Amino acid sequence: MSQKPLKTGLQQATCTLVAECLVRALQYLSTADSKIRAEAHNWPSGKTLRLEVPGAGGFTVTGTPWGFKKLDKETAGDVTILFKSPSDAFRVFTGQISVGQAYAQHKFVLRGDMALAMPFVRCVDITEGYLFPEFLAKRILKRLPEKEVSPARVYAAVVLGK
């Protein structure tokens, strides 16, 4: 067996795991962090955003007055962020490059209204500030977000799905 399929498979598995952790953290923080809660509350009613990684799990979310909600089935998004390859997503999901760098380097395709994607990306940046250690977050974020809850509480919500 060649190394390339194994490497790609590991990247896909990592992306699936990180995507699930990200959406759980977003759901929790959209109730616990005022900045993310405001973005979710202001989300246009019924609009969805889908994040996809080829060969890996993705997710679809919508904003509600109560926070971001993950939709159970793989529905098409009004806006879709589609990474071009598992390795491109892997670099973003593991904090090697920022979402902004990935966008500038054309690592993903954005389908739909960019104005709807921007609030989501802001929320991802804040979430990364909670999830990544400070030394890593400083490398990929323009500025560290002010944390309103303990990162340990965010990790607990990710692990417990609450």
C-alpha atoms as a PDB file:
ATOM      1  CA  MET A   1       0.000   0.000   0.000  1.00  0.00           C
ATOM      2  CA  SER A   2       1.410   3.386  -0.931  1.00  0.00           C
ATOM      3  CA  GLN A   3       1.892   6.184   1.550  1.00  0.00           C
ATOM      4  CA  LYS A   4      -0.343   8.654  -0.323  1.00  0.00           C
ATOM      5  CA  PRO A   5      -3.689   6.846   0.265  1.00  0.00           C
ATOM      6  CA  LEU A   6      -2.739   6.264   3.923  1.00  0.00           C
ATOM      7  CA  LYS A   7      -1.792   9.922   4.398  1.00  0.00           C
ATOM      8  CA  THR A   8      -4.976  11.096   2.681  1.00  0.00           C
ATOM      9  CA  GLY A   9      -7.055   8.699   4.772  1.00  0.00           C
ATOM     10  CA  LEU A  10      -5.497   9.993   7.999  1.00  0.00           C
ATOM     11  CA  GLN A  11      -6.098  13.587   6.902  1.00  0.00           C
ATOM     12  CA  GLN A  12      -9.733  12.782   6.074  1.00  0.00           C
ATOM     13  CA  ALA A  13     -10.243  11.096   9.446  1.00  0.00           C
ATOM     14  CA  THR A  14      -8.660  14.043  11.241  1.00  0.00           C
ATOM     15  CA  CYS A  15     -10.822  16.504   9.304  1.00  0.00           C
ATOM     16  CA  THR A  16     -13.967  14.530  10.163  1.00  0.00           C
ATOM     17  CA  LEU A  17     -13.066  14.602  13.863  1.00  0.00           C
ATOM     18  CA  VAL A  18     -12.103  18.282  13.860  1.00  0.00           C
ATOM     19  CA  ALA A  19     -15.241  19.284  11.935  1.00  0.00           C
ATOM     20  CA  GLU A  20     -17.383  17.575  14.578  1.00  0.00           C
ATOM     21  CA  CYS A  21     -15.427  19.263  17.382  1.00  0.00           C
ATOM     22  CA  LEU A  22     -15.725  22.625  15.630  1.00  0.00           C
ATOM     23  CA  VAL A  23     -19.487  22.425  15.173  1.00  0.00           C
ATOM     24  CA  ARG A  24     -19.981  21.302  18.789  1.00  0.00           C
ATOM     25  CA  ALA A  25     -17.836  24.172  20.037  1.00  0.00           C
ATOM     26  CA  LEU A  26     -19.744  26.612  17.809  1.00  0.00           C
ATOM     27  CA  GLN A  27     -23.068  25.351  19.143  1.00  0.00           C
ATOM     28  CA  TYR A  28     -21.926  25.728  22.749  1.00  0.00           C
ATOM     29  CA  LEU A  29     -20.253  29.090  22.250  1.00  0.00           C
ATOM     30  CA  SER A  30     -23.279  30.466  20.419  1.00  0.00           C
ATOM     31  CA  THR A  31     -25.061  30.245  23.775  1.00  0.00           C
ATOM     32  CA  ALA A  32     -22.100  31.132  26.020  1.00  0.00           C
ATOM     33  CA  ASP A  33     -20.119  33.815  24.148  1.00  0.00           C
ATOM     34  CA  SER A  34     -21.912  37.090  23.435  1.00  0.00           C
ATOM     35  CA  LYS A  35     -20.097  37.773  20.133  1.00  0.00           C
ATOM     36  CA  ILE A  36     -20.944  34.388  18.630  1.00  0.00           C
ATOM     37  CA  ARG A  37     -24.463  34.517  20.088  1.00  0.00           C
ATOM     38  CA  ALA A  38     -25.028  37.883  18.375  1.00  0.00           C
ATOM     39  CA  GLU A  39     -23.828  36.517  15.014  1.00  0.00           C
ATOM     40  CA  ALA A  40     -26.118  33.467  15.326  1.00  0.00           C
ATOM     41  CA  HIS A  41     -29.061  35.626  16.405  1.00  0.00           C
ATOM     42  CA  ASN A  42     -28.575  37.964  13.419  1.00  0.00           C
ATOM     43  CA  TRP A  43     -28.309  35.087  10.935  1.00  0.00           C
ATOM     44  CA  PRO A  44     -30.977  35.424   8.215  1.00  0.00           C
ATOM     45  CA  SER A  45     -33.918  33.171   9.025  1.00  0.00           C
ATOM     46  CA  GLY A  46     -33.801  29.786   7.318  1.00  0.00           C
ATOM     47  CA  LYS A  47     -30.380  30.338   5.716  1.00  0.00           C
ATOM     48  CA  THR A  48     -27.808  27.554   6.016  1.00  0.00           C
ATOM     49  CA  LEU A  49     -24.066  27.201   5.687  1.00  0.00           C
ATOM     50  CA  ARG A  50     -22.372  23.932   4.725  1.00  0.00           C
ATOM     51  CA  LEU A  51     -18.714  23.139   5.298  1.00  0.00           C
ATOM     52  CA  GLU A  52     -17.383  20.233   3.206  1.00  0.00           C
ATOM     53  CA  VAL A  53     -14.120  18.329   2.974  1.00  0.00           C
ATOM     54  CA  PRO A  54     -13.722  15.784   0.142  1.00  0.00           C
ATOM     55  CA  GLY A  55     -13.942  12.267   1.555  1.00  0.00           C
ATOM     56  CA  ALA A  56     -14.459  13.518   5.103  1.00  0.00           C
ATOM     57  CA  GLY A  57     -17.368  14.575   7.256  1.00  0.00           C
ATOM     58  CA  GLY A  58     -18.698  18.067   7.023  1.00  0.00           C
ATOM     59  CA  PHE A  59     -21.637  19.826   8.583  1.00  0.00           C
ATOM     60  CA  THR A  60     -24.483  22.195   7.877  1.00  0.00           C
ATOM     61  CA  VAL A  61     -25.530  24.880  10.361  1.00  0.00           C
ATOM     62  CA  THR A  62     -28.164  27.522  10.613  1.00  0.00           C
ATOM     63  CA  GLY A  63     -28.412  30.429  12.996  1.00  0.00           C
ATOM     64  CA  THR A  64     -31.325  30.767  15.389  1.00  0.00           C
ATOM     65  CA  PRO A  65     -32.230  33.213  18.151  1.00  0.00           C
ATOM     66  CA  TRP A  66     -30.872  30.535  20.534  1.00  0.00           C
ATOM     67  CA  GLY A  67     -27.549  29.969  18.781  1.00  0.00           C
ATOM     68  CA  PHE A  68     -26.123  27.943  15.940  1.00  0.00           C
ATOM     69  CA  LYS A  69     -27.919  24.699  15.239  1.00  0.00           C
ATOM     70  CA  LYS A  70     -26.372  21.772  13.411  1.00  0.00           C
ATOM     71  CA  LEU A  71     -28.767  20.269  10.929  1.00  0.00           C
ATOM     72  CA  ASP A  72     -29.026  16.497  11.253  1.00  0.00           C
ATOM     73  CA  LYS A  73     -28.856  15.550   7.623  1.00  0.00           C
ATOM     74  CA  GLU A  74     -26.363  16.546   4.966  1.00  0.00           C
ATOM     75  CA  THR A  75     -28.402  19.326   3.437  1.00  0.00           C
ATOM     76  CA  ALA A  76     -27.092  21.668   0.802  1.00  0.00           C
ATOM     77  CA  GLY A  77     -26.206  25.045   2.181  1.00  0.00           C
ATOM     78  CA  ASP A  78     -27.293  28.429   0.938  1.00  0.00           C
ATOM     79  CA  VAL A  79     -23.576  29.032   1.307  1.00  0.00           C
ATOM     80  CA  THR A  80     -21.049  26.221   0.927  1.00  0.00           C
ATOM     81  CA  ILE A  81     -17.396  26.290   1.892  1.00  0.00           C
ATOM     82  CA  LEU A  82     -15.812  23.408  -0.020  1.00  0.00           C
ATOM     83  CA  PHE A  83     -12.167  22.619   0.600  1.00  0.00           C
ATOM     84  CA  LYS A  84     -10.408  21.556  -2.578  1.00  0.00           C
ATOM     85  CA  SER A  85      -8.619  18.629  -0.920  1.00  0.00           C
ATOM     86  CA  PRO A  86      -8.335  16.887   2.438  1.00  0.00           C
ATOM     87  CA  SER A  87      -4.765  18.179   2.770  1.00  0.00           C
ATOM     88  CA  ASP A  88      -5.964  21.787   2.354  1.00  0.00           C
ATOM     89  CA  ALA A  89      -8.610  21.315   5.046  1.00  0.00           C
ATOM     90  CA  PHE A  90      -6.130  19.456   7.248  1.00  0.00           C
ATOM     91  CA  ARG A  91      -3.759  22.434   7.249  1.00  0.00           C
ATOM     92  CA  VAL A  92      -6.582  24.761   8.354  1.00  0.00           C
ATOM     93  CA  PHE A  93      -8.131  22.344  10.857  1.00  0.00           C
ATOM     94  CA  THR A  94      -4.779  21.690  12.564  1.00  0.00           C
ATOM     95  CA  GLY A  95      -3.850  25.355  12.823  1.00  0.00           C
ATOM     96  CA  GLN A  96      -1.045  25.316  10.279  1.00  0.00           C
ATOM     97  CA  ILE A  97      -2.688  28.127   8.316  1.00  0.00           C
ATOM     98  CA  SER A  98      -5.575  30.470   9.058  1.00  0.00           C
ATOM     99  CA  VAL A  99      -8.926  30.533   7.303  1.00  0.00           C
ATOM    100  CA  GLY A 100      -7.860  33.862   5.795  1.00  0.00           C
ATOM    101  CA  GLN A 101      -4.630  32.365   4.455  1.00  0.00           C
ATOM    102  CA  ALA A 102      -6.552  29.408   3.020  1.00  0.00           C
ATOM    103  CA  TYR A 103      -8.917  31.814   1.271  1.00  0.00           C
ATOM    104  CA  ALA A 104      -6.024  33.889  -0.115  1.00  0.00           C
ATOM    105  CA  GLN A 105      -4.289  30.719  -1.338  1.00  0.00           C
ATOM    106  CA  HIS A 106      -7.492  29.421  -2.988  1.00  0.00           C
ATOM    107  CA  LYS A 107      -7.598  26.312  -0.771  1.00  0.00           C
ATOM    108  CA  PHE A 108     -11.394  26.285  -0.771  1.00  0.00           C
ATOM    109  CA  VAL A 109     -14.284  27.336  -2.952  1.00  0.00           C
ATOM    110  CA  LEU A 110     -17.045  29.535  -1.599  1.00  0.00           C
ATOM    111  CA  ARG A 111     -20.417  29.023  -3.247  1.00  0.00           C
ATOM    112  CA  GLY A 112     -23.178  31.443  -2.411  1.00  0.00           C
ATOM    113  CA  ASP A 113     -23.326  34.817  -0.723  1.00  0.00           C
ATOM    114  CA  MET A 114     -19.983  35.842   0.760  1.00  0.00           C
ATOM    115  CA  ALA A 115     -21.808  38.263   3.067  1.00  0.00           C
ATOM    116  CA  LEU A 116     -23.448  35.255   4.722  1.00  0.00           C
ATOM    117  CA  ALA A 117     -20.121  33.408   5.039  1.00  0.00           C
ATOM    118  CA  MET A 118     -18.286  36.250   6.773  1.00  0.00           C
ATOM    119  CA  PRO A 119     -20.209  36.111  10.087  1.00  0.00           C
ATOM    120  CA  PHE A 120     -19.576  32.357  10.175  1.00  0.00           C
ATOM    121  CA  VAL A 121     -15.848  32.855   9.562  1.00  0.00           C
ATOM    122  CA  ARG A 122     -15.733  35.442  12.366  1.00  0.00           C
ATOM    123  CA  CYS A 123     -17.340  32.873  14.657  1.00  0.00           C
ATOM    124  CA  VAL A 124     -14.824  30.217  13.589  1.00  0.00           C
ATOM    125  CA  ASP A 125     -11.978  32.623  14.404  1.00  0.00           C
ATOM    126  CA  ILE A 126     -13.379  33.212  17.895  1.00  0.00           C
ATOM    127  CA  THR A 127     -13.917  29.480  18.360  1.00  0.00           C
ATOM    128  CA  GLU A 128     -10.336  28.763  17.317  1.00  0.00           C
ATOM    129  CA  GLY A 129      -9.226  31.218  20.007  1.00  0.00           C
ATOM    130  CA  TYR A 130     -10.902  28.961  22.565  1.00  0.00           C
ATOM    131  CA  LEU A 131      -9.846  25.616  21.095  1.00  0.00           C
ATOM    132  CA  PHE A 132      -6.226  26.215  20.106  1.00  0.00           C
ATOM    133  CA  PRO A 133      -3.450  26.836  22.634  1.00  0.00           C
ATOM    134  CA  GLU A 134      -2.459  30.493  22.806  1.00  0.00           C
ATOM    135  CA  PHE A 135       0.902  30.031  21.037  1.00  0.00           C
ATOM    136  CA  LEU A 136      -0.879  28.465  18.060  1.00  0.00           C
ATOM    137  CA  ALA A 137      -3.843  30.839  18.077  1.00  0.00           C
ATOM    138  CA  LYS A 138      -1.452  33.813  17.945  1.00  0.00           C
ATOM    139  CA  ARG A 139       0.020  32.457  14.701  1.00  0.00           C
ATOM    140  CA  ILE A 140      -3.281  32.089  12.852  1.00  0.00           C
ATOM    141  CA  LEU A 141      -5.522  34.817  14.289  1.00  0.00           C
ATOM    142  CA  LYS A 142      -5.139  38.551  13.747  1.00  0.00           C
ATOM    143  CA  ARG A 143      -5.907  39.034  17.429  1.00  0.00           C
ATOM    144  CA  LEU A 144      -6.852  36.727  20.244  1.00  0.00           C
ATOM    145  CA  PRO A 145     -10.513  36.936  21.192  1.00  0.00           C
ATOM    146  CA  GLU A 146     -11.486  37.972  24.681  1.00  0.00           C
ATOM    147  CA  LYS A 147     -12.710  34.773  26.290  1.00  0.00           C
ATOM    148  CA  GLU A 148     -16.020  34.954  28.106  1.00  0.00           C
ATOM    149  CA  VAL A 149     -16.001  31.332  29.293  1.00  0.00           C
ATOM    150  CA  SER A 150     -13.304  28.900  30.297  1.00  0.00           C
ATOM    151  CA  PRO A 151     -11.729  26.950  27.436  1.00  0.00           C
ATOM    152  CA  ALA A 152     -12.064  23.898  29.711  1.00  0.00           C
ATOM    153  CA  ARG A 153     -15.845  24.380  29.625  1.00  0.00           C
ATOM    154  CA  VAL A 154     -15.734  24.550  25.819  1.00  0.00           C
ATOM    155  CA  TYR A 155     -13.701  21.321  25.693  1.00  0.00           C
ATOM    156  CA  ALA A 156     -16.225  19.661  28.027  1.00  0.00           C
ATOM    157  CA  ALA A 157     -19.071  20.751  25.754  1.00  0.00           C
ATOM    158  CA  VAL A 158     -17.207  19.350  22.735  1.00  0.00           C
ATOM    159  CA  VAL A 159     -16.541  16.002  24.410  1.00  0.00           C
ATOM    160  CA  LEU A 160     -19.993  15.678  25.968  1.00  0.00           C
ATOM    161  CA  GLY A 161     -21.850  17.188  23.016  1.00  0.00           C
ATOM    162  CA  LYS A 162     -23.600  19.786  25.179  1.00  0.00           C
END
